[in-house]
C-alpha cells in the first residue's frame, strides 16, 4: 500500500527546523521523479547548512528514512564534496548510544521512526543552530562540535578517496570536454534520495551519442569498470592506481575518436 502522506509526515515531525531553528524549506517532492520517495529540503543561510529528509512512500519497506546534512558553499550544496556531506548516521558514532540499524525502519511505524530521527537532530541542536562554525568544512565543524561537547570524534569517519581516482576523474572530464562531450550524469554528485545505486556511474553525451562508465558491483569487483558507447559494450578496465587509470584513459580516447 502506498502512503501518500509521507511528505506531510516529514513536514509535521520536522517543523521545528523552520519554527525554531531558522531553516526554510527550499524544495519538496512527492514523489521525487520515479524514485517512490518523498523529499523535503531545508536550508539555513545563517549556519550554511542544508538538511535533506527523504522517506520511502511504501511504508512496508525498511530503510524508510534518510537525513543528509550538507554544508553550503557560496549558497550551493555539492554532494560530491566528501568534506561537506554526511548522513544522520554519523551522529550515532559520536557517543555510540544507538545502533544505526535502529533507523533502518524495520519493526517500527513510520511515525515512530520520524520521531526517532527528529529526536536525534534535537539532541544535536547546537550543531545546526550555532553560527560558530558556519565557515568550516562540515567534518571540521563536527570535530569542533565534538570537542566542545565531549564527544569522541574519529577522523576516519570521513570517506577516503584515492588520489589516483581523483586524478582519473579530472583527466576523464578534460578528455571528454575536449572532444565535445558534456557530463550528463554523475552518481557522485547526486543526493542520496536521487541515487539508486551505491556503485559509481558516469555519463557523457555528444549530440545523440552517449558514453557510459559503470563501476562493477562490490560483490564482484568494485575496482572494475565497464565502458559502453550507446548501448554497445566496449571494454572493461581496472582502476587500482595511476598506471591503470592512464591506460583506461587511453582506451577511452580511442573509443570516442
C-alpha atoms as a PDB file:
ATOM      1  CA  UNK A   1       0.000   0.000   0.000  1.00  0.00           C
ATOM      2  CA  UNK A   2       1.358   3.403  -0.990  1.00  0.00           C
ATOM      3  CA  UNK A   3       1.208   6.036   1.733  1.00  0.00           C
ATOM      4  CA  UNK A   4       0.564   9.414   0.080  1.00  0.00           C
ATOM      5  CA  UNK A   5       1.037  11.371   3.330  1.00  0.00           C
ATOM      6  CA  UNK A   6       4.779  10.784   3.741  1.00  0.00           C
ATOM      7  CA  UNK A   7       5.740  14.344   2.817  1.00  0.00           C
ATOM      8  CA  UNK A   8       3.154  15.685   5.259  1.00  0.00           C
ATOM      9  CA  UNK A   9       4.608  13.479   7.975  1.00  0.00           C
ATOM     10  CA  UNK A  10       8.088  14.836   7.288  1.00  0.00           C
ATOM     11  CA  UNK A  11       6.745  18.390   7.474  1.00  0.00           C
ATOM     12  CA  UNK A  12       4.915  17.680  10.733  1.00  0.00           C
ATOM     13  CA  UNK A  13       7.733  15.843  12.501  1.00  0.00           C
ATOM     14  CA  UNK A  14      10.482  18.240  11.484  1.00  0.00           C
ATOM     15  CA  UNK A  15       8.543  21.514  11.664  1.00  0.00           C
ATOM     16  CA  UNK A  16      10.881  22.691  14.451  1.00  0.00           C
ATOM     17  CA  UNK A  17      13.577  23.217  11.795  1.00  0.00           C
ATOM     18  CA  UNK A  18      11.603  26.151  10.422  1.00  0.00           C
ATOM     19  CA  UNK A  19       9.759  27.290  13.554  1.00  0.00           C
ATOM     20  CA  UNK A  20      12.690  27.291  15.961  1.00  0.00           C
ATOM     21  CA  UNK A  21      15.991  26.663  14.172  1.00  0.00           C
ATOM     22  CA  UNK A  22      15.989  29.235  11.393  1.00  0.00           C
ATOM     23  CA  UNK A  23      15.684  26.834   8.450  1.00  0.00           C
ATOM     24  CA  UNK A  24      13.481  27.411   5.415  1.00  0.00           C
ATOM     25  CA  UNK A  25      12.031  24.844   3.020  1.00  0.00           C
ATOM     26  CA  UNK A  26      13.565  25.435  -0.403  1.00  0.00           C
ATOM     27  CA  UNK A  27      12.020  22.449  -2.202  1.00  0.00           C
ATOM     28  CA  UNK A  28       9.951  19.314  -1.731  1.00  0.00           C
ATOM     29  CA  UNK A  29       8.888  16.378  -3.891  1.00  0.00           C
ATOM     30  CA  UNK A  30       6.056  13.871  -3.605  1.00  0.00           C
ATOM     31  CA  UNK A  31       7.431  11.730  -5.055  1.00  0.00           C
ATOM     32  CA  UNK A  32      10.913  12.602  -6.323  1.00  0.00           C
ATOM     33  CA  UNK A  33      10.927  11.646 -10.031  1.00  0.00           C
ATOM     34  CA  UNK A  34      10.275   7.894 -10.269  1.00  0.00           C
ATOM     35  CA  UNK A  35      12.049   7.012  -7.020  1.00  0.00           C
ATOM     36  CA  UNK A  36       8.885   6.497  -4.936  1.00  0.00           C
ATOM     37  CA  UNK A  37      10.472   8.696  -2.279  1.00  0.00           C
ATOM     38  CA  UNK A  38       9.096  11.856  -0.758  1.00  0.00           C
ATOM     39  CA  UNK A  39      11.676  14.562  -0.082  1.00  0.00           C
ATOM     40  CA  UNK A  40      11.799  17.845   1.825  1.00  0.00           C
ATOM     41  CA  UNK A  41      14.886  20.079   1.631  1.00  0.00           C
ATOM     42  CA  UNK A  42      15.671  22.605   4.356  1.00  0.00           C
ATOM     43  CA  UNK A  43      18.302  25.374   4.345  1.00  0.00           C
ATOM     44  CA  UNK A  44      19.708  27.710   6.972  1.00  0.00           C
ATOM     45  CA  UNK A  45      21.647  30.546   5.377  1.00  0.00           C
ATOM     46  CA  UNK A  46      22.914  31.743   8.777  1.00  0.00           C
ATOM     47  CA  UNK A  47      24.737  28.494   9.552  1.00  0.00           C
ATOM     48  CA  UNK A  48      25.342  27.475   5.902  1.00  0.00           C
ATOM     49  CA  UNK A  49      23.656  24.122   6.454  1.00  0.00           C
ATOM     50  CA  UNK A  50      21.221  22.147   4.339  1.00  0.00           C
ATOM     51  CA  UNK A  51      19.228  19.136   5.554  1.00  0.00           C
ATOM     52  CA  UNK A  52      17.632  16.745   3.053  1.00  0.00           C
ATOM     53  CA  UNK A  53      14.995  14.474   4.594  1.00  0.00           C
ATOM     54  CA  UNK A  54      13.581  11.666   2.483  1.00  0.00           C
ATOM     55  CA  UNK A  55      11.494   8.558   3.063  1.00  0.00           C
ATOM     56  CA  UNK A  56      10.047   5.708   1.054  1.00  0.00           C
ATOM     57  CA  UNK A  57       6.413   6.193   0.113  1.00  0.00           C
ATOM     58  CA  UNK A  58       5.891   2.441   0.518  1.00  0.00           C
ATOM     59  CA  UNK A  59       5.797   2.109   4.303  1.00  0.00           C
ATOM     60  CA  UNK A  60       6.138  -1.670   4.078  1.00  0.00           C
ATOM     61  CA  UNK A  61       9.796  -1.259   3.146  1.00  0.00           C
ATOM     62  CA  UNK A  62      12.693  -0.893   5.537  1.00  0.00           C
ATOM     63  CA  UNK A  63      15.248   1.931   5.465  1.00  0.00           C
ATOM     64  CA  UNK A  64      12.357   4.357   5.188  1.00  0.00           C
ATOM     65  CA  UNK A  65      14.138   7.449   6.458  1.00  0.00           C
ATOM     66  CA  UNK A  66      17.307   9.212   5.398  1.00  0.00           C
ATOM     67  CA  UNK A  67      18.657  12.529   6.649  1.00  0.00           C
ATOM     68  CA  UNK A  68      21.556  14.067   4.739  1.00  0.00           C
ATOM     69  CA  UNK A  69      23.432  17.090   6.058  1.00  0.00           C
ATOM     70  CA  UNK A  70      25.355  19.272   3.591  1.00  0.00           C
ATOM     71  CA  UNK A  71      27.455  22.390   4.138  1.00  0.00           C
ATOM     72  CA  UNK A  72      26.521  25.141   1.703  1.00  0.00           C
ATOM     73  CA  UNK A  73      29.445  26.681  -0.141  1.00  0.00           C
ATOM     74  CA  UNK A  74      28.545  30.013  -1.736  1.00  0.00           C
ATOM     75  CA  UNK A  75      24.914  29.000  -1.250  1.00  0.00           C
ATOM     76  CA  UNK A  76      25.303  25.715  -3.142  1.00  0.00           C
ATOM     77  CA  UNK A  77      25.154  22.114  -1.871  1.00  0.00           C
ATOM     78  CA  UNK A  78      27.861  19.979  -3.506  1.00  0.00           C
ATOM     79  CA  UNK A  79      27.179  16.307  -2.777  1.00  0.00           C
ATOM     80  CA  UNK A  80      30.416  15.223  -4.445  1.00  0.00           C
ATOM     81  CA  UNK A  81      32.461  17.163  -1.870  1.00  0.00           C
ATOM     82  CA  UNK A  82      33.266  14.486   0.731  1.00  0.00           C
ATOM     83  CA  UNK A  83      34.435  17.152   3.193  1.00  0.00           C
ATOM     84  CA  UNK A  84      30.991  18.716   3.327  1.00  0.00           C
ATOM     85  CA  UNK A  85      28.361  15.998   3.306  1.00  0.00           C
ATOM     86  CA  UNK A  86      27.293  13.148   5.590  1.00  0.00           C
ATOM     87  CA  UNK A  87      24.157  11.351   6.782  1.00  0.00           C
ATOM     88  CA  UNK A  88      22.494  11.334  10.191  1.00  0.00           C
ATOM     89  CA  UNK A  89      24.177   8.005  10.931  1.00  0.00           C
ATOM     90  CA  UNK A  90      27.383   9.943  11.588  1.00  0.00           C
ATOM     91  CA  UNK A  91      25.803  11.418  14.715  1.00  0.00           C
ATOM     92  CA  UNK A  92      25.261   7.914  16.088  1.00  0.00           C
ATOM     93  CA  UNK A  93      29.014   7.405  16.078  1.00  0.00           C
ATOM     94  CA  UNK A  94      29.647  10.352  18.380  1.00  0.00           C
ATOM     95  CA  UNK A  95      28.644   8.579  21.577  1.00  0.00           C
ATOM     96  CA  UNK A  96      27.671   5.043  20.471  1.00  0.00           C
ATOM     97  CA  UNK A  97      24.336   5.444  22.222  1.00  0.00           C
ATOM     98  CA  UNK A  98      22.319   3.832  19.441  1.00  0.00           C
ATOM     99  CA  UNK A  99      22.763   1.302  16.646  1.00  0.00           C
ATOM    100  CA  UNK A 100      22.390   2.534  13.079  1.00  0.00           C
ATOM    101  CA  UNK A 101      20.074  -0.411  12.376  1.00  0.00           C
ATOM    102  CA  UNK A 102      17.549   1.197  14.719  1.00  0.00           C
ATOM    103  CA  UNK A 103      16.977   3.764  11.973  1.00  0.00           C
ATOM    104  CA  UNK A 104      16.506   1.309   9.097  1.00  0.00           C
ATOM    105  CA  UNK A 105      12.767   1.191   9.681  1.00  0.00           C
ATOM    106  CA  UNK A 106      12.176  -2.465  10.433  1.00  0.00           C
ATOM    107  CA  UNK A 107       9.610  -3.319  13.131  1.00  0.00           C
ATOM    108  CA  UNK A 108       8.743   0.328  13.737  1.00  0.00           C
ATOM    109  CA  UNK A 109       5.956   2.517  12.387  1.00  0.00           C
ATOM    110  CA  UNK A 110       6.902   5.374  10.122  1.00  0.00           C
ATOM    111  CA  UNK A 111       5.549   7.886  12.635  1.00  0.00           C
ATOM    112  CA  UNK A 112       7.771   6.447  15.366  1.00  0.00           C
ATOM    113  CA  UNK A 113      10.718   6.328  13.001  1.00  0.00           C
ATOM    114  CA  UNK A 114      10.285  10.007  12.105  1.00  0.00           C
ATOM    115  CA  UNK A 115      10.042  10.890  15.787  1.00  0.00           C
ATOM    116  CA  UNK A 116      13.258   8.991  16.328  1.00  0.00           C
ATOM    117  CA  UNK A 117      15.009  10.925  13.555  1.00  0.00           C
ATOM    118  CA  UNK A 118      13.676  14.240  14.848  1.00  0.00           C
ATOM    119  CA  UNK A 119      14.866  13.453  18.383  1.00  0.00           C
ATOM    120  CA  UNK A 120      18.333  12.672  17.051  1.00  0.00           C
ATOM    121  CA  UNK A 121      18.566  16.103  15.444  1.00  0.00           C
ATOM    122  CA  UNK A 122      17.205  17.806  18.574  1.00  0.00           C
ATOM    123  CA  UNK A 123      19.879  16.063  20.645  1.00  0.00           C
ATOM    124  CA  UNK A 124      22.477  17.850  18.496  1.00  0.00           C
ATOM    125  CA  UNK A 125      20.652  21.172  18.177  1.00  0.00           C
ATOM    126  CA  UNK A 126      23.795  23.271  18.723  1.00  0.00           C
ATOM    127  CA  UNK A 127      25.448  21.694  15.681  1.00  0.00           C
ATOM    128  CA  UNK A 128      22.664  23.017  13.458  1.00  0.00           C
ATOM    129  CA  UNK A 129      21.909  26.368  15.049  1.00  0.00           C
ATOM    130  CA  UNK A 130      25.141  27.954  16.288  1.00  0.00           C
ATOM    131  CA  UNK A 131      26.942  30.155  13.773  1.00  0.00           C
ATOM    132  CA  UNK A 132      30.362  29.487  15.368  1.00  0.00           C
ATOM    133  CA  UNK A 133      31.327  27.033  12.643  1.00  0.00           C
ATOM    134  CA  UNK A 134      29.451  28.449   9.630  1.00  0.00           C
ATOM    135  CA  UNK A 135      32.618  28.832   7.524  1.00  0.00           C
ATOM    136  CA  UNK A 136      34.226  25.478   8.404  1.00  0.00           C
ATOM    137  CA  UNK A 137      34.042  22.336   6.280  1.00  0.00           C
ATOM    138  CA  UNK A 138      31.315  20.049   7.588  1.00  0.00           C
ATOM    139  CA  UNK A 139      33.633  17.395   9.059  1.00  0.00           C
ATOM    140  CA  UNK A 140      35.751  20.109  10.674  1.00  0.00           C
ATOM    141  CA  UNK A 141      32.545  21.517  12.128  1.00  0.00           C
ATOM    142  CA  UNK A 142      31.718  18.066  13.501  1.00  0.00           C
ATOM    143  CA  UNK A 143      35.176  17.823  15.068  1.00  0.00           C
ATOM    144  CA  UNK A 144      34.821  21.233  16.726  1.00  0.00           C
ATOM    145  CA  UNK A 145      31.316  20.357  17.912  1.00  0.00           C
ATOM    146  CA  UNK A 146      32.527  17.027  19.325  1.00  0.00           C
ATOM    147  CA  UNK A 147      35.433  18.665  21.166  1.00  0.00           C
ATOM    148  CA  UNK A 148      33.145  21.287  22.666  1.00  0.00           C
ATOM    149  CA  UNK A 149      30.638  18.729  23.912  1.00  0.00           C
ATOM    150  CA  UNK A 150      32.924  15.887  24.995  1.00  0.00           C
ATOM    151  CA  UNK A 151      32.126  13.506  22.143  1.00  0.00           C
ATOM    152  CA  UNK A 152      34.694  11.117  20.718  1.00  0.00           C
ATOM    153  CA  UNK A 153      35.359  12.274  17.148  1.00  0.00           C
ATOM    154  CA  UNK A 154      37.210   9.981  14.744  1.00  0.00           C
ATOM    155  CA  UNK A 155      38.862  11.454  11.640  1.00  0.00           C
ATOM    156  CA  UNK A 156      38.387   8.103   9.863  1.00  0.00           C
ATOM    157  CA  UNK A 157      34.658   8.751   9.629  1.00  0.00           C
ATOM    158  CA  UNK A 158      35.287  10.950   6.615  1.00  0.00           C
ATOM    159  CA  UNK A 159      35.295   8.902   3.378  1.00  0.00           C
ATOM    160  CA  UNK A 160      38.683   8.339   1.790  1.00  0.00           C
ATOM    161  CA  UNK A 161      39.199   8.809  -1.945  1.00  0.00           C
ATOM    162  CA  UNK A 162      42.378   7.531  -3.574  1.00  0.00           C
ATOM    163  CA  UNK A 163      44.417  10.286  -5.252  1.00  0.00           C
ATOM    164  CA  UNK A 164      44.581   8.277  -8.473  1.00  0.00           C
ATOM    165  CA  UNK A 165      40.775   8.163  -8.579  1.00  0.00           C
ATOM    166  CA  UNK A 166      40.554  11.943  -8.243  1.00  0.00           C
ATOM    167  CA  UNK A 167      43.183  12.352 -10.951  1.00  0.00           C
ATOM    168  CA  UNK A 168      41.338   9.906 -13.219  1.00  0.00           C
ATOM    169  CA  UNK A 169      38.035  11.739 -12.870  1.00  0.00           C
ATOM    170  CA  UNK A 170      39.661  15.110 -13.552  1.00  0.00           C
ATOM    171  CA  UNK A 171      41.550  13.805 -16.611  1.00  0.00           C
ATOM    172  CA  UNK A 172      38.460  11.996 -17.894  1.00  0.00           C
ATOM    173  CA  UNK A 173      36.382  15.149 -17.749  1.00  0.00           C
ATOM    174  CA  UNK A 174      39.143  17.088 -19.512  1.00  0.00           C
ATOM    175  CA  UNK A 175      39.383  14.415 -22.231  1.00  0.00           C
ATOM    176  CA  UNK A 176      35.647  14.251 -22.829  1.00  0.00           C
ATOM    177  CA  UNK A 177      35.195  18.028 -22.827  1.00  0.00           C
ATOM    178  CA  UNK A 178      37.988  18.496 -25.364  1.00  0.00           C
ATOM    179  CA  UNK A 179      36.221  16.024 -27.622  1.00  0.00           C
ATOM    180  CA  UNK A 180      32.874  17.803 -27.477  1.00  0.00           C
ATOM    181  CA  UNK A 181      31.172  15.704 -24.786  1.00  0.00           C
ATOM    182  CA  UNK A 182      29.201  17.121 -21.876  1.00  0.00           C
ATOM    183  CA  UNK A 183      28.858  15.498 -18.467  1.00  0.00           C
ATOM    184  CA  UNK A 184      25.193  14.500 -18.252  1.00  0.00           C
ATOM    185  CA  UNK A 185      25.138  12.179 -15.229  1.00  0.00           C
ATOM    186  CA  UNK A 186      27.448  11.717 -12.263  1.00  0.00           C
ATOM    187  CA  UNK A 187      26.347   9.454  -9.413  1.00  0.00           C
ATOM    188  CA  UNK A 188      28.917  11.045  -7.099  1.00  0.00           C
ATOM    189  CA  UNK A 189      27.226  14.431  -7.455  1.00  0.00           C
ATOM    190  CA  UNK A 190      23.730  13.214  -6.529  1.00  0.00           C
ATOM    191  CA  UNK A 191      21.990  13.461  -3.161  1.00  0.00           C
ATOM    192  CA  UNK A 192      21.193  10.134  -1.540  1.00  0.00           C
ATOM    193  CA  UNK A 193      17.473  10.363  -2.346  1.00  0.00           C
ATOM    194  CA  UNK A 194      18.275  10.616  -6.071  1.00  0.00           C
ATOM    195  CA  UNK A 195      20.901   7.885  -6.178  1.00  0.00           C
ATOM    196  CA  UNK A 196      19.528   4.438  -6.942  1.00  0.00           C
ATOM    197  CA  UNK A 197      22.830   2.600  -6.530  1.00  0.00           C
ATOM    198  CA  UNK A 198      25.960   2.788  -4.403  1.00  0.00           C
ATOM    199  CA  UNK A 199      28.014   1.960  -7.486  1.00  0.00           C
ATOM    200  CA  UNK A 200      29.776   4.697  -9.436  1.00  0.00           C
ATOM    201  CA  UNK A 201      28.242   5.703 -12.772  1.00  0.00           C
ATOM    202  CA  UNK A 202      29.245   8.472 -15.169  1.00  0.00           C
ATOM    203  CA  UNK A 203      27.631   9.517 -18.445  1.00  0.00           C
ATOM    204  CA  UNK A 204      28.835  11.928 -21.137  1.00  0.00           C
ATOM    205  CA  UNK A 205      26.763  12.987 -24.135  1.00  0.00           C
ATOM    206  CA  UNK A 206      27.600  14.466 -27.524  1.00  0.00           C
ATOM    207  CA  UNK A 207      24.575  15.194 -29.672  1.00  0.00           C
ATOM    208  CA  UNK A 208      22.780  11.807 -29.689  1.00  0.00           C
ATOM    209  CA  UNK A 209      25.859   9.838 -28.662  1.00  0.00           C
ATOM    210  CA  UNK A 210      26.287   8.747 -25.068  1.00  0.00           C
ATOM    211  CA  UNK A 211      29.299   7.250 -23.301  1.00  0.00           C
ATOM    212  CA  UNK A 212      28.614   5.380 -20.064  1.00  0.00           C
ATOM    213  CA  UNK A 213      31.141   4.212 -17.471  1.00  0.00           C
ATOM    214  CA  UNK A 214      29.778   1.867 -14.787  1.00  0.00           C
ATOM    215  CA  UNK A 215      31.508   0.551 -11.688  1.00  0.00           C
ATOM    216  CA  UNK A 216      31.001  -3.171 -11.090  1.00  0.00           C
ATOM    217  CA  UNK A 217      29.077  -4.314  -8.047  1.00  0.00           C
ATOM    218  CA  UNK A 218      31.129  -4.633  -4.848  1.00  0.00           C
ATOM    219  CA  UNK A 219      30.127  -8.317  -4.716  1.00  0.00           C
ATOM    220  CA  UNK A 220      32.006  -8.801  -7.976  1.00  0.00           C
ATOM    221  CA  UNK A 221      34.971  -6.455  -8.096  1.00  0.00           C
ATOM    222  CA  UNK A 222      34.454  -2.772  -7.322  1.00  0.00           C
ATOM    223  CA  UNK A 223      37.830  -1.936  -8.908  1.00  0.00           C
ATOM    224  CA  UNK A 224      36.404  -2.940 -12.299  1.00  0.00           C
ATOM    225  CA  UNK A 225      34.579  -0.520 -14.589  1.00  0.00           C
ATOM    226  CA  UNK A 226      32.858  -1.182 -17.904  1.00  0.00           C
ATOM    227  CA  UNK A 227      32.514   1.303 -20.749  1.00  0.00           C
ATOM    228  CA  UNK A 228      29.573   1.492 -23.154  1.00  0.00           C
ATOM    229  CA  UNK A 229      29.134   3.674 -26.218  1.00  0.00           C
ATOM    230  CA  UNK A 230      25.416   3.961 -26.680  1.00  0.00           C
ATOM    231  CA  UNK A 231      24.134   0.501 -25.751  1.00  0.00           C
ATOM    232  CA  UNK A 232      27.225  -1.241 -27.061  1.00  0.00           C
ATOM    233  CA  UNK A 233      29.764  -2.653 -24.627  1.00  0.00           C
ATOM    234  CA  UNK A 234      33.317  -1.525 -25.407  1.00  0.00           C
ATOM    235  CA  UNK A 235      35.725  -2.555 -22.673  1.00  0.00           C
ATOM    236  CA  UNK A 236      36.360  -3.256 -19.002  1.00  0.00           C
ATOM    237  CA  UNK A 237      39.230  -1.737 -17.064  1.00  0.00           C
ATOM    238  CA  UNK A 238      40.598  -1.828 -13.543  1.00  0.00           C
ATOM    239  CA  UNK A 239      41.087   1.356 -11.550  1.00  0.00           C
ATOM    240  CA  UNK A 240      43.732   0.437  -8.983  1.00  0.00           C
ATOM    241  CA  UNK A 241      46.465   3.033  -9.493  1.00  0.00           C
ATOM    242  CA  UNK A 242      47.954   5.677 -11.744  1.00  0.00           C
ATOM    243  CA  UNK A 243      49.074   3.219 -14.427  1.00  0.00           C
ATOM    244  CA  UNK A 244      45.666   1.564 -14.734  1.00  0.00           C
ATOM    245  CA  UNK A 245      43.986   4.964 -14.782  1.00  0.00           C
ATOM    246  CA  UNK A 246      46.207   6.236 -17.600  1.00  0.00           C
ATOM    247  CA  UNK A 247      45.680   3.026 -19.547  1.00  0.00           C
ATOM    248  CA  UNK A 248      41.905   3.374 -19.184  1.00  0.00           C
ATOM    249  CA  UNK A 249      42.013   6.979 -20.383  1.00  0.00           C
ATOM    250  CA  UNK A 250      43.998   5.965 -23.467  1.00  0.00           C
ATOM    251  CA  UNK A 251      41.458   3.238 -24.294  1.00  0.00           C
ATOM    252  CA  UNK A 252      38.527   5.592 -23.792  1.00  0.00           C
ATOM    253  CA  UNK A 253      40.169   8.154 -26.058  1.00  0.00           C
ATOM    254  CA  UNK A 254      40.371   5.522 -28.833  1.00  0.00           C
ATOM    255  CA  UNK A 255      36.667   4.826 -28.453  1.00  0.00           C
ATOM    256  CA  UNK A 256      35.465   8.403 -28.756  1.00  0.00           C
ATOM    257  CA  UNK A 257      37.722   9.417 -31.655  1.00  0.00           C
END
